[in-house]
Every structure is written in structure tokens, then in C-alpha cells.
C-alpha atoms as a PDB file:
ATOM      1  CA  VAL A   1      11.418 -10.358   6.359  1.00  0.00           C
ATOM      2  CA  GLN A   2      10.170 -10.646   2.803  1.00  0.00           C
ATOM      3  CA  LEU A   3       7.537  -8.408   1.275  1.00  0.00           C
ATOM      4  CA  GLN A   4       6.610  -9.149  -2.333  1.00  0.00           C
ATOM      5  CA  ALA A   5       4.484  -6.493  -4.015  1.00  0.00           C
ATOM      6  CA  SER A   6       2.658  -7.123  -7.270  1.00  0.00           C
ATOM      7  CA  GLY A   7      -0.222  -5.883  -9.379  1.00  0.00           C
ATOM      8  CA  GLY A   8       1.157  -2.698 -10.869  1.00  0.00           C
ATOM      9  CA  GLY A   9       0.679  -1.772 -14.481  1.00  0.00           C
ATOM     10  CA  LEU A  10      -0.699   0.719 -16.946  1.00  0.00           C
ATOM     11  CA  VAL A  11      -4.262   1.922 -16.410  1.00  0.00           C
ATOM     12  CA  GLN A  12      -6.319   4.678 -17.956  1.00  0.00           C
ATOM     13  CA  PRO A  13      -7.507   7.652 -15.913  1.00  0.00           C
ATOM     14  CA  GLY A  14     -10.661   6.730 -14.049  1.00  0.00           C
ATOM     15  CA  GLY A  15      -9.688   3.086 -14.005  1.00  0.00           C
ATOM     16  CA  SER A  16      -9.017   0.679 -11.165  1.00  0.00           C
ATOM     17  CA  LEU A  17      -6.166  -1.500 -10.064  1.00  0.00           C
ATOM     18  CA  THR A  18      -5.482  -3.697  -7.052  1.00  0.00           C
ATOM     19  CA  LEU A  19      -2.016  -4.154  -5.594  1.00  0.00           C
ATOM     20  CA  SER A  20      -1.012  -7.102  -3.424  1.00  0.00           C
ATOM     21  CA  CYS A  21       1.841  -7.530  -0.989  1.00  0.00           C
ATOM     22  CA  ALA A  22       2.623 -11.025   0.242  1.00  0.00           C
ATOM     23  CA  ALA A  23       4.600 -11.142   3.472  1.00  0.00           C
ATOM     24  CA  SER A  24       6.752 -13.887   4.877  1.00  0.00           C
ATOM     25  CA  ARG A  25       9.057 -14.327   7.832  1.00  0.00           C
ATOM     26  CA  ILE A  26       7.060 -11.908   9.968  1.00  0.00           C
ATOM     27  CA  ALA A  27       4.275 -12.312  12.492  1.00  0.00           C
ATOM     28  CA  PHE A  28       1.848 -10.939   9.939  1.00  0.00           C
ATOM     29  CA  SER A  29      -1.324 -11.072  12.014  1.00  0.00           C
ATOM     30  CA  ILE A  30       0.087  -8.687  14.625  1.00  0.00           C
ATOM     31  CA  ALA A  31       1.942  -6.433  12.192  1.00  0.00           C
ATOM     32  CA  ALA A  32       0.810  -3.101  10.905  1.00  0.00           C
ATOM     33  CA  MET A  33       1.074  -2.821   7.126  1.00  0.00           C
ATOM     34  CA  GLY A  34       1.323   0.172   4.897  1.00  0.00           C
ATOM     35  CA  TRP A  35       1.470   1.244   1.283  1.00  0.00           C
ATOM     36  CA  TYR A  36       3.778   4.062   0.272  1.00  0.00           C
ATOM     37  CA  ARG A  37       4.375   5.588  -3.121  1.00  0.00           C
ATOM     38  CA  GLN A  38       7.087   7.615  -4.768  1.00  0.00           C
ATOM     39  CA  ALA A  39       6.404   9.654  -7.858  1.00  0.00           C
ATOM     40  CA  PRO A  40       9.227  10.865 -10.100  1.00  0.00           C
ATOM     41  CA  GLY A  41      11.039  13.754  -8.480  1.00  0.00           C
ATOM     42  CA  LYS A  42       9.019  13.517  -5.263  1.00  0.00           C
ATOM     43  CA  GLN A  43       9.539  12.132  -1.806  1.00  0.00           C
ATOM     44  CA  ARG A  44       8.118   8.796  -0.815  1.00  0.00           C
ATOM     45  CA  GLU A  45       4.792   9.222   0.966  1.00  0.00           C
ATOM     46  CA  LEU A  46       2.514   7.011   3.013  1.00  0.00           C
ATOM     47  CA  VAL A  47      -0.829   6.584   1.267  1.00  0.00           C
ATOM     48  CA  ALA A  48      -2.572   3.953   3.388  1.00  0.00           C
ATOM     49  CA  ALA A  49      -1.997   1.958   6.556  1.00  0.00           C
ATOM     50  CA  ILE A  50      -3.804  -0.769   8.422  1.00  0.00           C
ATOM     51  CA  ASN A  51      -3.096  -2.014  11.922  1.00  0.00           C
ATOM     52  CA  SER A  52      -3.517  -5.510  13.294  1.00  0.00           C
ATOM     53  CA  GLY A  53      -7.034  -4.713  14.425  1.00  0.00           C
ATOM     54  CA  GLY A  54      -8.070  -3.634  10.958  1.00  0.00           C
ATOM     55  CA  SER A  55      -8.219   0.111  11.593  1.00  0.00           C
ATOM     56  CA  THR A  56      -7.122   2.121   8.595  1.00  0.00           C
ATOM     57  CA  ASN A  57      -5.647   5.506   7.768  1.00  0.00           C
ATOM     58  CA  TYR A  58      -5.349   7.244   4.402  1.00  0.00           C
ATOM     59  CA  ALA A  59      -3.580  10.207   2.926  1.00  0.00           C
ATOM     60  CA  ASP A  60      -6.027  12.967   2.053  1.00  0.00           C
ATOM     61  CA  SER A  61      -5.125  12.640  -1.618  1.00  0.00           C
ATOM     62  CA  VAL A  62      -6.496   9.083  -1.820  1.00  0.00           C
ATOM     63  CA  LYS A  63      -9.380   9.117   0.657  1.00  0.00           C
ATOM     64  CA  GLY A  64     -12.539   7.761  -0.890  1.00  0.00           C
ATOM     65  CA  ARG A  65     -10.633   6.260  -3.827  1.00  0.00           C
ATOM     66  CA  PHE A  66      -8.196   3.772  -2.266  1.00  0.00           C
ATOM     67  CA  THR A  67      -8.957   0.962   0.163  1.00  0.00           C
ATOM     68  CA  ILE A  68      -6.375  -0.974   2.135  1.00  0.00           C
ATOM     69  CA  SER A  69      -7.264  -4.402   3.447  1.00  0.00           C
ATOM     70  CA  ARG A  70      -5.531  -7.483   4.772  1.00  0.00           C
ATOM     71  CA  ASP A  71      -6.033 -11.234   4.745  1.00  0.00           C
ATOM     72  CA  ASN A  72      -4.183 -12.779   7.652  1.00  0.00           C
ATOM     73  CA  ALA A  73      -4.916 -16.285   6.362  1.00  0.00           C
ATOM     74  CA  VAL A  74      -2.596 -15.711   3.406  1.00  0.00           C
ATOM     75  CA  ASN A  75      -0.318 -13.044   4.937  1.00  0.00           C
ATOM     76  CA  THR A  76      -1.261 -10.513   2.288  1.00  0.00           C
ATOM     77  CA  VAL A  77      -2.171  -6.844   2.297  1.00  0.00           C
ATOM     78  CA  TYR A  78      -4.042  -5.258  -0.600  1.00  0.00           C
ATOM     79  CA  LEU A  79      -4.516  -1.786  -1.973  1.00  0.00           C
ATOM     80  CA  GLN A  80      -7.623  -1.351  -4.088  1.00  0.00           C
ATOM     81  CA  MET A  81      -7.308   1.784  -6.169  1.00  0.00           C
ATOM     82  CA  SER A  82     -10.185   3.290  -8.103  1.00  0.00           C
ATOM     83  CA  SER A  83     -10.902   6.553  -9.918  1.00  0.00           C
ATOM     84  CA  LEU A  84      -7.212   6.669 -10.688  1.00  0.00           C
ATOM     85  CA  LYS A  85      -5.655   9.949 -11.753  1.00  0.00           C
ATOM     86  CA  PRO A  86      -2.430  10.673 -13.625  1.00  0.00           C
ATOM     87  CA  GLU A  87      -1.017  12.064 -10.387  1.00  0.00           C
ATOM     88  CA  ASP A  88      -1.349   8.601  -8.839  1.00  0.00           C
ATOM     89  CA  THR A  89       1.461   7.474 -11.123  1.00  0.00           C
ATOM     90  CA  ALA A  90       4.270   6.238  -8.907  1.00  0.00           C
ATOM     91  CA  VAL A  91       6.198   3.265  -7.697  1.00  0.00           C
ATOM     92  CA  TYR A  92       4.169   1.728  -4.867  1.00  0.00           C
ATOM     93  CA  TYR A  93       5.891   0.017  -1.951  1.00  0.00           C
ATOM     94  CA  CYS A  94       4.549  -2.012   0.931  1.00  0.00           C
ATOM     95  CA  ARG A  95       6.039  -1.829   4.394  1.00  0.00           C
ATOM     96  CA  GLU A  96       5.618  -3.646   7.666  1.00  0.00           C
ATOM     97  CA  GLY A  97       5.694  -2.254  11.146  1.00  0.00           C
ATOM     98  CA  GLY A  98       3.847  -1.941  14.420  1.00  0.00           C
ATOM     99  CA  PHE A  99       1.076   0.125  15.943  1.00  0.00           C
ATOM    100  CA  TYR A 100       1.453   1.182  19.568  1.00  0.00           C
ATOM    101  CA  ASP A 101      -0.246   3.857  21.612  1.00  0.00           C
ATOM    102  CA  GLY A 102      -1.957   5.258  18.542  1.00  0.00           C
ATOM    103  CA  ASN A 103       1.192   5.537  16.443  1.00  0.00           C
ATOM    104  CA  TYR A 104       2.661   3.563  13.580  1.00  0.00           C
ATOM    105  CA  TYR A 105       6.297   2.488  13.684  1.00  0.00           C
ATOM    106  CA  TRP A 106       7.656   1.321  10.361  1.00  0.00           C
ATOM    107  CA  GLY A 107      10.278  -1.288   9.553  1.00  0.00           C
ATOM    108  CA  TYR A 108      11.144  -3.291   6.456  1.00  0.00           C
ATOM    109  CA  TRP A 109      10.312  -2.287   2.906  1.00  0.00           C
ATOM    110  CA  GLY A 110       9.177  -4.474   0.081  1.00  0.00           C
ATOM    111  CA  GLN A 111      10.278  -3.948  -3.491  1.00  0.00           C
ATOM    112  CA  GLY A 112       8.165  -1.537  -5.499  1.00  0.00           C
ATOM    113  CA  THR A 113       5.583  -2.057  -8.183  1.00  0.00           C
ATOM    114  CA  LEU A 114       5.038   0.600 -10.823  1.00  0.00           C
ATOM    115  CA  VAL A 115       1.602   2.080 -11.411  1.00  0.00           C
ATOM    116  CA  THR A 116       1.207   4.282 -14.465  1.00  0.00           C
ATOM    117  CA  VAL A 117      -2.034   6.172 -15.016  1.00  0.00           C
ATOM    118  CA  SER A 118      -2.164   7.435 -18.546  1.00  0.00           C
ATOM    119  CA  SER A 119      -4.374   7.491 -21.601  1.00  0.00           C
END
């Protein structure tokens, strides 16, 4: 399994950024995909997930600001982030897994991409 995240960078508060995660060596179309983040000194947390049917879930802290989507034609999952806040600063990771009986089950991690929200 290979998960290649990209798109991180420096953005001002209130700005937008879109992360991408290209997957290979997995059955992408039937996989659940998620975006996690880890801020300095904090535990890694799940911020958004999407199952194979396109249903999504978000952490309360990002609802209404972040959108997860997937393109099965190019085996890529995206995280569109808007109205960014300094507290969104973190290393963002993508992860693959499954979705069964209403629950996510997570597997391999991708490498992280750093998002810094600062003026």
C-alpha cells in the first residue's frame, strides 16, 4: 500500500488549501479513506472520513469548513480546507481502511504533509 499526501503549506488565517492523497496498491474504489492530523504536543485525531459509497464524517472542529471527497478514477482522496484557523496547524496524514456495519476500520498510513496557518 502506498499513500502519497501532498498540498500542505503556509496559509494565512481565513485562507484555503486543498490536500491530495494518491493511493496505489489498494482496491481504492472499495476502500474507506480518512484524513488525520497531529498538532505539536497533541494526539493524532481523525478530522474527516469518506466511505466507498461517498458518505462522509467530520470532526466537530472542522464541520462546515473542511470537505473530504474522492475521485476513484485517479485513486485520490482530497481534503478541501477553508476558513483556516491557526489551530488547524498540524501535520495532516491520509489513511486507508474499510467501512463495515456502520464503523470505520483503519489500516495503512500515508506520510504527512504540513499545514501551517499563520499571518
